[in-house]
Amino acid sequence: APGKEREFVAAISGSGGSTYYADSVKGRFTISRDNAKNTVYLRMNG
């Protein structure tokens, strides 16, 4: 955000089996990946 440092939001392992979220987005955001499409997603609700 303007005037702030870059902060972690979410991460997902290469296999997709491990994910981790910042407390500020937990329960609202979902990270996922499609390795066949070489794409990672961040679904943001609320």
All heavy atoms as atom14 arrays in JSON, in Angstrom:
{
  "sequence": "APGKEREFVAAISGSGGSTYYADSVKGRFTISRDNAKNTVYLRMNG",
  "atom14_mask": [
    [1, 1, 1, 1, 1, 0, 0, 0, 0, 0, 0, 0, 0, 0],
    [1, 1, 1, 1, 1, 1, 1, 0, 0, 0, 0, 0, 0, 0],
    [1, 1, 1, 1, 0, 0, 0, 0, 0, 0, 0, 0, 0, 0],
    [1, 1, 1, 1, 1, 1, 1, 1, 1, 0, 0, 0, 0, 0],
    [1, 1, 1, 1, 1, 1, 1, 1, 1, 0, 0, 0, 0, 0],
    [1, 1, 1, 1, 1, 1, 1, 1, 1, 1, 1, 0, 0, 0],
    [1, 1, 1, 1, 1, 1, 1, 1, 1, 0, 0, 0, 0, 0],
    [1, 1, 1, 1, 1, 1, 1, 1, 1, 1, 1, 0, 0, 0],
    [1, 1, 1, 1, 1, 1, 1, 0, 0, 0, 0, 0, 0, 0],
    [1, 1, 1, 1, 1, 0, 0, 0, 0, 0, 0, 0, 0, 0],
    [1, 1, 1, 1, 1, 0, 0, 0, 0, 0, 0, 0, 0, 0],
    [1, 1, 1, 1, 1, 1, 1, 1, 0, 0, 0, 0, 0, 0],
    [1, 1, 1, 1, 1, 1, 0, 0, 0, 0, 0, 0, 0, 0],
    [1, 1, 1, 1, 0, 0, 0, 0, 0, 0, 0, 0, 0, 0],
    [1, 1, 1, 1, 1, 1, 0, 0, 0, 0, 0, 0, 0, 0],
    [1, 1, 1, 1, 0, 0, 0, 0, 0, 0, 0, 0, 0, 0],
    [1, 1, 1, 1, 0, 0, 0, 0, 0, 0, 0, 0, 0, 0],
    [1, 1, 1, 1, 1, 1, 0, 0, 0, 0, 0, 0, 0, 0],
    [1, 1, 1, 1, 1, 1, 1, 0, 0, 0, 0, 0, 0, 0],
    [1, 1, 1, 1, 1, 1, 1, 1, 1, 1, 1, 1, 0, 0],
    [1, 1, 1, 1, 1, 1, 1, 1, 1, 1, 1, 1, 0, 0],
    [1, 1, 1, 1, 1, 0, 0, 0, 0, 0, 0, 0, 0, 0],
    [1, 1, 1, 1, 1, 1, 1, 1, 0, 0, 0, 0, 0, 0],
    [1, 1, 1, 1, 1, 1, 0, 0, 0, 0, 0, 0, 0, 0],
    [1, 1, 1, 1, 1, 1, 1, 0, 0, 0, 0, 0, 0, 0],
    [1, 1, 1, 1, 1, 1, 1, 1, 1, 0, 0, 0, 0, 0],
    [1, 1, 1, 1, 0, 0, 0, 0, 0, 0, 0, 0, 0, 0],
    [1, 1, 1, 1, 1, 1, 1, 1, 1, 1, 1, 0, 0, 0],
    [1, 1, 1, 1, 1, 1, 1, 1, 1, 1, 1, 0, 0, 0],
    [1, 1, 1, 1, 1, 1, 1, 0, 0, 0, 0, 0, 0, 0],
    [1, 1, 1, 1, 1, 1, 1, 1, 0, 0, 0, 0, 0, 0],
    [1, 1, 1, 1, 1, 1, 0, 0, 0, 0, 0, 0, 0, 0],
    [1, 1, 1, 1, 1, 1, 1, 1, 1, 1, 1, 0, 0, 0],
    [1, 1, 1, 1, 1, 1, 1, 1, 0, 0, 0, 0, 0, 0],
    [1, 1, 1, 1, 1, 1, 1, 1, 0, 0, 0, 0, 0, 0],
    [1, 1, 1, 1, 1, 0, 0, 0, 0, 0, 0, 0, 0, 0],
    [1, 1, 1, 1, 1, 1, 1, 1, 1, 0, 0, 0, 0, 0],
    [1, 1, 1, 1, 1, 1, 1, 1, 0, 0, 0, 0, 0, 0],
    [1, 1, 1, 1, 1, 1, 1, 0, 0, 0, 0, 0, 0, 0],
    [1, 1, 1, 1, 1, 1, 1, 0, 0, 0, 0, 0, 0, 0],
    [1, 1, 1, 1, 1, 1, 1, 1, 1, 1, 1, 1, 0, 0],
    [1, 1, 1, 1, 1, 1, 1, 1, 0, 0, 0, 0, 0, 0],
    [1, 1, 1, 1, 1, 1, 1, 1, 1, 1, 1, 0, 0, 0],
    [1, 1, 1, 1, 1, 1, 1, 1, 0, 0, 0, 0, 0, 0],
    [1, 1, 1, 1, 1, 1, 1, 1, 0, 0, 0, 0, 0, 0],
    [1, 1, 1, 1, 0, 0, 0, 0, 0, 0, 0, 0, 0, 0]
  ],
  "atom14_positions": [
    [[0.84, -1.18, 0.0], [0.0, 0.0, 0.0], [0.89, 1.24, 0.0], [2.05, 1.18, 0.41], [-0.91, -0.01, 1.22], [0.0, 0.0, 0.0], [0.0, 0.0, 0.0], [0.0, 0.0, 0.0], [0.0, 0.0, 0.0], [0.0, 0.0, 0.0], [0.0, 0.0, 0.0], [0.0, 0.0, 0.0], [0.0, 0.0, 0.0], [0.0, 0.0, 0.0]],
    [[0.36, 2.38, -0.44], [1.16, 3.61, -0.48], [1.74, 3.94, 0.89], [1.04, 3.93, 1.9], [0.16, 4.66, -0.94], [-0.87, 3.91, -1.7], [-0.98, 2.58, -1.03], [0.0, 0.0, 0.0], [0.0, 0.0, 0.0], [0.0, 0.0, 0.0], [0.0, 0.0, 0.0], [0.0, 0.0, 0.0], [0.0, 0.0, 0.0], [0.0, 0.0, 0.0]],
    [[3.04, 4.21, 0.92], [3.7, 4.58, 2.15], [3.99, 3.44, 3.1], [4.48, 3.67, 4.21], [0.0, 0.0, 0.0], [0.0, 0.0, 0.0], [0.0, 0.0, 0.0], [0.0, 0.0, 0.0], [0.0, 0.0, 0.0], [0.0, 0.0, 0.0], [0.0, 0.0, 0.0], [0.0, 0.0, 0.0], [0.0, 0.0, 0.0], [0.0, 0.0, 0.0]],
    [[3.7, 2.21, 2.67], [3.92, 1.06, 3.54], [4.9, 0.09, 2.89], [5.12, 0.1, 1.68], [2.61, 0.35, 3.85], [1.64, 1.19, 4.66], [0.44, 0.38, 5.1], [-0.49, 1.19, 5.98], [-1.65, 0.4, 6.43], [0.0, 0.0, 0.0], [0.0, 0.0, 0.0], [0.0, 0.0, 0.0], [0.0, 0.0, 0.0], [0.0, 0.0, 0.0]],
    [[5.47, -0.78, 3.71], [6.36, -1.81, 3.19], [5.57, -2.93, 2.52], [4.39, -3.14, 2.83], [7.21, -2.38, 4.33], [8.21, -1.39, 4.9], [9.15, -2.03, 5.89], [8.94, -3.22, 6.24], [10.09, -1.35, 6.32], [0.0, 0.0, 0.0], [0.0, 0.0, 0.0], [0.0, 0.0, 0.0], [0.0, 0.0, 0.0], [0.0, 0.0, 0.0]],
    [[6.24, -3.63, 1.64], [5.62, -4.79, 1.01], [5.38, -5.86, 2.07], [6.28, -6.15, 2.88], [6.51, -5.33, -0.09], [5.85, -6.33, -0.99], [6.68, -6.58, -2.24], [6.81, -5.37, -3.04], [7.32, -5.37, -4.27], [7.75, -6.5, -4.82], [7.43, -4.23, -4.95], [0.0, 0.0, 0.0], [0.0, 0.0, 0.0], [0.0, 0.0, 0.0]],
    [[4.17, -6.46, 2.07], [3.84, -7.44, 3.09], [3.36, -8.74, 2.47], [2.76, -8.76, 1.39], [2.78, -6.9, 4.04], [1.43, -6.64, 3.42], [0.37, -6.26, 4.47], [0.69, -6.23, 5.67], [-0.78, -6.01, 4.07], [0.0, 0.0, 0.0], [0.0, 0.0, 0.0], [0.0, 0.0, 0.0], [0.0, 0.0, 0.0], [0.0, 0.0, 0.0]],
    [[3.61, -9.8, 3.19], [3.19, -11.13, 2.77], [1.68, -11.27, 2.87], [1.07, -10.79, 3.82], [3.86, -12.17, 3.67], [3.35, -13.57, 3.49], [3.76, -14.33, 2.43], [2.45, -14.11, 4.41], [3.29, -15.62, 2.27], [1.98, -15.39, 4.26], [2.4, -16.16, 3.19], [0.0, 0.0, 0.0], [0.0, 0.0, 0.0], [0.0, 0.0, 0.0]],
    [[1.09, -11.95, 1.88], [-0.34, -12.22, 1.88], [-0.6, -13.72, 1.98], [-1.32, -14.18, 2.87], [-1.01, -11.65, 0.62], [-2.49, -12.06, 0.57], [-0.86, -10.14, 0.56], [0.0, 0.0, 0.0], [0.0, 0.0, 0.0], [0.0, 0.0, 0.0], [0.0, 0.0, 0.0], [0.0, 0.0, 0.0], [0.0, 0.0, 0.0], [0.0, 0.0, 0.0]],
    [[-0.04, -14.49, 1.05], [-0.29, -15.93, 1.01], [0.79, -16.6, 0.18], [1.42, -15.96, -0.67], [-1.66, -16.23, 0.43], [0.0, 0.0, 0.0], [0.0, 0.0, 0.0], [0.0, 0.0, 0.0], [0.0, 0.0, 0.0], [0.0, 0.0, 0.0], [0.0, 0.0, 0.0], [0.0, 0.0, 0.0], [0.0, 0.0, 0.0], [0.0, 0.0, 0.0]],
    [[0.98, -17.89, 0.43], [1.96, -18.66, -0.35], [1.48, -20.09, -0.49], [0.71, -20.59, 0.34], [3.33, -18.64, 0.3], [0.0, 0.0, 0.0], [0.0, 0.0, 0.0], [0.0, 0.0, 0.0], [0.0, 0.0, 0.0], [0.0, 0.0, 0.0], [0.0, 0.0, 0.0], [0.0, 0.0, 0.0], [0.0, 0.0, 0.0], [0.0, 0.0, 0.0]],
    [[1.94, -20.74, -1.55], [1.57, -22.13, -1.82], [2.82, -22.86, -2.33], [3.59, -22.32, -3.12], [0.41, -22.2, -2.83], [-0.09, -23.63, -3.01], [0.79, -21.57, -4.17], [-1.43, -23.71, -3.74], [0.0, 0.0, 0.0], [0.0, 0.0, 0.0], [0.0, 0.0, 0.0], [0.0, 0.0, 0.0], [0.0, 0.0, 0.0], [0.0, 0.0, 0.0]],
    [[3.01, -24.09, -1.86], [4.17, -24.87, -2.27], [4.04, -25.33, -3.72], [2.95, -25.28, -4.31], [4.32, -26.08, -1.35], [3.18, -26.92, -1.45], [0.0, 0.0, 0.0], [0.0, 0.0, 0.0], [0.0, 0.0, 0.0], [0.0, 0.0, 0.0], [0.0, 0.0, 0.0], [0.0, 0.0, 0.0], [0.0, 0.0, 0.0], [0.0, 0.0, 0.0]],
    [[5.14, -25.8, -4.27], [5.13, -26.26, -5.65], [4.14, -27.39, -5.89], [3.47, -27.44, -6.93], [0.0, 0.0, 0.0], [0.0, 0.0, 0.0], [0.0, 0.0, 0.0], [0.0, 0.0, 0.0], [0.0, 0.0, 0.0], [0.0, 0.0, 0.0], [0.0, 0.0, 0.0], [0.0, 0.0, 0.0], [0.0, 0.0, 0.0], [0.0, 0.0, 0.0]],
    [[4.03, -28.29, -4.93], [3.1, -29.41, -5.06], [1.65, -28.96, -4.87], [0.73, -29.7, -5.23], [3.42, -30.47, -4.02], [3.15, -29.98, -2.71], [0.0, 0.0, 0.0], [0.0, 0.0, 0.0], [0.0, 0.0, 0.0], [0.0, 0.0, 0.0], [0.0, 0.0, 0.0], [0.0, 0.0, 0.0], [0.0, 0.0, 0.0], [0.0, 0.0, 0.0]],
    [[1.46, -27.79, -4.25], [0.12, -27.34, -3.91], [-0.38, -27.87, -2.58], [-1.46, -27.5, -2.13], [0.0, 0.0, 0.0], [0.0, 0.0, 0.0], [0.0, 0.0, 0.0], [0.0, 0.0, 0.0], [0.0, 0.0, 0.0], [0.0, 0.0, 0.0], [0.0, 0.0, 0.0], [0.0, 0.0, 0.0], [0.0, 0.0, 0.0], [0.0, 0.0, 0.0]],
    [[0.42, -28.71, -1.94], [-0.03, -29.35, -0.71], [0.13, -28.53, 0.55], [-0.4, -28.88, 1.6], [0.0, 0.0, 0.0], [0.0, 0.0, 0.0], [0.0, 0.0, 0.0], [0.0, 0.0, 0.0], [0.0, 0.0, 0.0], [0.0, 0.0, 0.0], [0.0, 0.0, 0.0], [0.0, 0.0, 0.0], [0.0, 0.0, 0.0], [0.0, 0.0, 0.0]],
    [[0.87, -27.43, 0.46], [1.09, -26.59, 1.62], [0.74, -25.15, 1.28], [1.19, -24.63, 0.26], [2.54, -26.69, 2.07], [2.79, -25.85, 3.18], [0.0, 0.0, 0.0], [0.0, 0.0, 0.0], [0.0, 0.0, 0.0], [0.0, 0.0, 0.0], [0.0, 0.0, 0.0], [0.0, 0.0, 0.0], [0.0, 0.0, 0.0], [0.0, 0.0, 0.0]],
    [[-0.05, -24.53, 2.14], [-0.4, -23.12, 1.97], [-0.23, -22.4, 3.3], [-0.25, -23.03, 4.38], [-1.85, -22.92, 1.49], [-2.74, -23.55, 2.42], [-2.06, -23.54, 0.11], [0.0, 0.0, 0.0], [0.0, 0.0, 0.0], [0.0, 0.0, 0.0], [0.0, 0.0, 0.0], [0.0, 0.0, 0.0], [0.0, 0.0, 0.0], [0.0, 0.0, 0.0]],
    [[-0.06, -21.09, 3.2], [0.1, -20.29, 4.41], [-0.44, -18.9, 4.13], [-0.29, -18.38, 3.02], [1.57, -20.22, 4.81], [1.8, -19.65, 6.19], [1.57, -20.41, 7.33], [2.23, -18.34, 6.36], [1.76, -19.9, 8.59], [2.44, -17.83, 7.62], [2.2, -18.59, 8.73], [2.39, -18.08, 9.99], [0.0, 0.0, 0.0], [0.0, 0.0, 0.0]],
    [[-1.1, -18.31, 5.16], [-1.74, -17.01, 4.98], [-1.34, -16.04, 6.08], [-1.11, -16.43, 7.23], [-3.27, -17.17, 5.02], [-3.83, -18.02, 3.91], [-3.99, -19.39, 4.06], [-4.2, -17.44, 2.7], [-4.5, -20.17, 3.04], [-4.72, -18.21, 1.67], [-4.86, -19.58, 1.85], [-5.37, -20.35, 0.83], [0.0, 0.0, 0.0], [0.0, 0.0, 0.0]],
    [[-1.31, -14.78, 5.73], [-1.19, -13.74, 6.74], [-2.47, -13.73, 7.58], [-3.57, -14.01, 7.07], [-0.98, -12.39, 6.08], [0.0, 0.0, 0.0], [0.0, 0.0, 0.0], [0.0, 0.0, 0.0], [0.0, 0.0, 0.0], [0.0, 0.0, 0.0], [0.0, 0.0, 0.0], [0.0, 0.0, 0.0], [0.0, 0.0, 0.0], [0.0, 0.0, 0.0]],
    [[-2.34, -13.4, 8.84], [-3.51, -13.38, 9.72], [-4.59, -12.42, 9.21], [-5.78, -12.67, 9.38], [-3.09, -12.97, 11.13], [-2.32, -14.06, 11.86], [-2.38, -15.23, 11.42], [-1.66, -13.74, 12.86], [0.0, 0.0, 0.0], [0.0, 0.0, 0.0], [0.0, 0.0, 0.0], [0.0, 0.0, 0.0], [0.0, 0.0, 0.0], [0.0, 0.0, 0.0]],
    [[-4.16, -11.34, 8.57], [-5.1, -10.32, 8.13], [-6.02, -10.8, 7.01], [-7.07, -10.18, 6.77], [-4.34, -9.07, 7.67], [-3.45, -9.4, 6.62], [0.0, 0.0, 0.0], [0.0, 0.0, 0.0], [0.0, 0.0, 0.0], [0.0, 0.0, 0.0], [0.0, 0.0, 0.0], [0.0, 0.0, 0.0], [0.0, 0.0, 0.0], [0.0, 0.0, 0.0]],
    [[-5.66, -11.87, 6.33], [-6.48, -12.35, 5.21], [-7.02, -13.76, 5.43], [-7.83, -14.24, 4.62], [-5.7, -12.3, 3.88], [-5.11, -10.91, 3.64], [-4.62, -13.37, 3.81], [0.0, 0.0, 0.0], [0.0, 0.0, 0.0], [0.0, 0.0, 0.0], [0.0, 0.0, 0.0], [0.0, 0.0, 0.0], [0.0, 0.0, 0.0], [0.0, 0.0, 0.0]],
    [[-6.59, -14.39, 6.49], [-7.01, -15.77, 6.75], [-8.53, -15.85, 6.84], [-9.17, -15.05, 7.53], [-6.35, -16.26, 8.04], [-6.26, -17.76, 8.17], [-5.42, -18.12, 9.39], [-3.99, -17.67, 9.27], [-3.16, -18.08, 10.43], [0.0, 0.0, 0.0], [0.0, 0.0, 0.0], [0.0, 0.0, 0.0], [0.0, 0.0, 0.0], [0.0, 0.0, 0.0]],
    [[-9.09, -16.83, 6.15], [-10.53, -17.01, 6.14], [-11.25, -16.21, 5.07], [-12.43, -16.44, 4.8], [0.0, 0.0, 0.0], [0.0, 0.0, 0.0], [0.0, 0.0, 0.0], [0.0, 0.0, 0.0], [0.0, 0.0, 0.0], [0.0, 0.0, 0.0], [0.0, 0.0, 0.0], [0.0, 0.0, 0.0], [0.0, 0.0, 0.0], [0.0, 0.0, 0.0]],
    [[-10.54, -15.25, 4.44], [-11.15, -14.43, 3.38], [-10.5, -14.69, 2.03], [-11.17, -14.64, 0.99], [-11.01, -12.94, 3.7], [-11.71, -12.52, 4.97], [-11.69, -10.99, 5.14], [-10.34, -10.46, 5.24], [-9.84, -9.52, 4.44], [-10.57, -9.02, 3.46], [-8.61, -9.07, 4.62], [0.0, 0.0, 0.0], [0.0, 0.0, 0.0], [0.0, 0.0, 0.0]],
    [[-9.19, -14.94, 2.02], [-8.45, -15.16, 0.78], [-8.08, -16.63, 0.65], [-7.83, -17.32, 1.65], [-7.15, -14.34, 0.78], [-7.32, -12.85, 0.67], [-8.57, -12.24, 0.81], [-6.23, -12.04, 0.44], [-8.72, -10.86, 0.72], [-6.35, -10.67, 0.33], [-7.59, -10.08, 0.49], [0.0, 0.0, 0.0], [0.0, 0.0, 0.0], [0.0, 0.0, 0.0]],
    [[-8.02, -17.1, -0.59], [-7.6, -18.47, -0.87], [-6.6, -18.47, -2.0], [-6.87, -17.93, -3.08], [-8.81, -19.35, -1.26], [-9.78, -19.32, -0.21], [-8.37, -20.79, -1.5], [0.0, 0.0, 0.0], [0.0, 0.0, 0.0], [0.0, 0.0, 0.0], [0.0, 0.0, 0.0], [0.0, 0.0, 0.0], [0.0, 0.0, 0.0], [0.0, 0.0, 0.0]],
    [[-5.44, -19.07, -1.75], [-4.43, -19.22, -2.79], [-4.55, -20.64, -3.37], [-4.79, -21.6, -2.64], [-3.01, -18.95, -2.26], [-2.0, -18.89, -3.4], [-2.61, -19.96, -1.19], [-0.62, -18.39, -2.96], [0.0, 0.0, 0.0], [0.0, 0.0, 0.0], [0.0, 0.0, 0.0], [0.0, 0.0, 0.0], [0.0, 0.0, 0.0], [0.0, 0.0, 0.0]],
    [[-4.39, -20.74, -4.68], [-4.41, -22.03, -5.34], [-3.52, -21.97, -6.56], [-3.09, -20.89, -6.98], [-5.84, -22.41, -5.73], [-6.38, -21.47, -6.64], [0.0, 0.0, 0.0], [0.0, 0.0, 0.0], [0.0, 0.0, 0.0], [0.0, 0.0, 0.0], [0.0, 0.0, 0.0], [0.0, 0.0, 0.0], [0.0, 0.0, 0.0], [0.0, 0.0, 0.0]],
    [[-3.24, -23.11, -7.13], [-2.4, -23.15, -8.33], [-2.88, -24.26, -9.24], [-3.39, -25.3, -8.79], [-0.93, -23.32, -7.98], [-0.55, -24.62, -7.33], [0.89, -24.56, -6.8], [1.86, -24.38, -7.87], [3.08, -23.87, -7.68], [3.47, -23.48, -6.47], [3.92, -23.76, -8.7], [0.0, 0.0, 0.0], [0.0, 0.0, 0.0], [0.0, 0.0, 0.0]],
    [[-2.67, -24.05, -10.53], [-2.94, -25.05, -11.54], [-1.61, -25.28, -12.26], [-1.22, -24.49, -13.12], [-4.01, -24.56, -12.51], [-4.43, -25.62, -13.51], [-3.64, -26.54, -13.78], [-5.53, -25.49, -14.05], [0.0, 0.0, 0.0], [0.0, 0.0, 0.0], [0.0, 0.0, 0.0], [0.0, 0.0, 0.0], [0.0, 0.0, 0.0], [0.0, 0.0, 0.0]],
    [[-0.94, -26.36, -11.91], [0.39, -26.59, -12.47], [0.34, -26.94, -13.95], [1.33, -26.76, -14.67], [1.11, -27.68, -11.68], [1.59, -27.17, -10.32], [1.67, -25.96, -10.08], [1.9, -28.09, -9.42], [0.0, 0.0, 0.0], [0.0, 0.0, 0.0], [0.0, 0.0, 0.0], [0.0, 0.0, 0.0], [0.0, 0.0, 0.0], [0.0, 0.0, 0.0]],
    [[-0.8, -27.43, -14.42], [-0.94, -27.71, -15.84], [-1.02, -26.42, -16.66], [-0.67, -26.41, -17.84], [-2.17, -28.56, -16.09], [0.0, 0.0, 0.0], [0.0, 0.0, 0.0], [0.0, 0.0, 0.0], [0.0, 0.0, 0.0], [0.0, 0.0, 0.0], [0.0, 0.0, 0.0], [0.0, 0.0, 0.0], [0.0, 0.0, 0.0], [0.0, 0.0, 0.0]],
    [[-1.48, -25.35, -16.01], [-1.62, -24.06, -16.7], [-0.54, -23.07, -16.29], [-0.58, -21.91, -16.72], [-2.99, -23.46, -16.41], [-4.15, -24.29, -16.97], [-5.48, -23.6, -16.71], [-6.63, -24.4, -17.32], [-7.94, -23.76, -17.07], [0.0, 0.0, 0.0], [0.0, 0.0, 0.0], [0.0, 0.0, 0.0], [0.0, 0.0, 0.0], [0.0, 0.0, 0.0]],
    [[0.39, -23.49, -15.44], [1.46, -22.61, -14.97], [0.91, -21.31, -14.37], [1.45, -20.22, -14.62], [2.43, -22.27, -16.11], [3.29, -23.45, -16.5], [3.15, -24.54, -15.97], [4.16, -23.24, -17.47], [0.0, 0.0, 0.0], [0.0, 0.0, 0.0], [0.0, 0.0, 0.0], [0.0, 0.0, 0.0], [0.0, 0.0, 0.0], [0.0, 0.0, 0.0]],
    [[-0.13, -21.44, -13.58], [-0.82, -20.27, -13.06], [-1.13, -20.44, -11.57], [-1.53, -21.53, -11.14], [-2.12, -20.02, -13.83], [-1.81, -19.84, -15.23], [-2.83, -18.77, -13.34], [0.0, 0.0, 0.0], [0.0, 0.0, 0.0], [0.0, 0.0, 0.0], [0.0, 0.0, 0.0], [0.0, 0.0, 0.0], [0.0, 0.0, 0.0], [0.0, 0.0, 0.0]],
    [[-0.95, -19.36, -10.84], [-1.36, -19.32, -9.44], [-2.45, -18.26, -9.31], [-2.47, -17.26, -10.04], [-0.16, -19.0, -8.51], [0.42, -17.63, -8.8], [-0.54, -19.14, -7.06], [0.0, 0.0, 0.0], [0.0, 0.0, 0.0], [0.0, 0.0, 0.0], [0.0, 0.0, 0.0], [0.0, 0.0, 0.0], [0.0, 0.0, 0.0], [0.0, 0.0, 0.0]],
    [[-3.37, -18.52, -8.39], [-4.54, -17.65, -8.21], [-4.61, -17.16, -6.77], [-4.13, -17.81, -5.85], [-5.82, -18.41, -8.54], [-5.84, -19.04, -9.9], [-5.51, -20.38, -10.08], [-6.19, -18.29, -11.03], [-5.53, -20.96, -11.34], [-6.21, -18.86, -12.29], [-5.88, -20.2, -12.43], [-5.9, -20.77, -13.68], [0.0, 0.0, 0.0], [0.0, 0.0, 0.0]],
    [[-5.25, -16.03, -6.6], [-5.6, -15.54, -5.27], [-7.05, -15.11, -5.32], [-7.39, -14.1, -5.94], [-4.71, -14.37, -4.85], [-4.93, -13.89, -3.42], [-4.46, -14.96, -2.43], [-4.22, -12.57, -3.15], [0.0, 0.0, 0.0], [0.0, 0.0, 0.0], [0.0, 0.0, 0.0], [0.0, 0.0, 0.0], [0.0, 0.0, 0.0], [0.0, 0.0, 0.0]],
    [[-7.89, -15.9, -4.69], [-9.31, -15.55, -4.58], [-9.49, -14.72, -3.34], [-9.15, -15.14, -2.24], [-10.15, -16.82, -4.5], [-11.64, -16.56, -4.33], [-12.25, -15.93, -5.57], [-13.68, -15.69, -5.44], [-14.43, -15.15, -6.4], [-13.88, -14.79, -7.55], [-15.72, -14.97, -6.2], [0.0, 0.0, 0.0], [0.0, 0.0, 0.0], [0.0, 0.0, 0.0]],
    [[-10.06, -13.53, -3.51], [-10.22, -12.6, -2.41], [-11.7, -12.33, -2.2], [-12.35, -11.75, -3.08], [-9.47, -11.3, -2.7], [-8.0, -11.51, -3.03], [-7.09, -9.97, -3.25], [-7.84, -9.37, -4.76], [0.0, 0.0, 0.0], [0.0, 0.0, 0.0], [0.0, 0.0, 0.0], [0.0, 0.0, 0.0], [0.0, 0.0, 0.0], [0.0, 0.0, 0.0]],
    [[-12.22, -12.76, -1.07], [-13.61, -12.52, -0.69], [-13.66, -11.57, 0.5], [-12.69, -11.41, 1.23], [-14.29, -13.83, -0.32], [-14.4, -14.79, -1.49], [-14.52, -14.39, -2.65], [-14.35, -16.09, -1.19], [0.0, 0.0, 0.0], [0.0, 0.0, 0.0], [0.0, 0.0, 0.0], [0.0, 0.0, 0.0], [0.0, 0.0, 0.0], [0.0, 0.0, 0.0]],
    [[-14.82, -10.97, 0.7], [-14.98, -10.08, 1.85], [-13.97, -8.97, 1.89], [-13.43, -8.63, 2.94], [0.0, 0.0, 0.0], [0.0, 0.0, 0.0], [0.0, 0.0, 0.0], [0.0, 0.0, 0.0], [0.0, 0.0, 0.0], [0.0, 0.0, 0.0], [0.0, 0.0, 0.0], [0.0, 0.0, 0.0], [0.0, 0.0, 0.0], [0.0, 0.0, 0.0]]
  ]
}
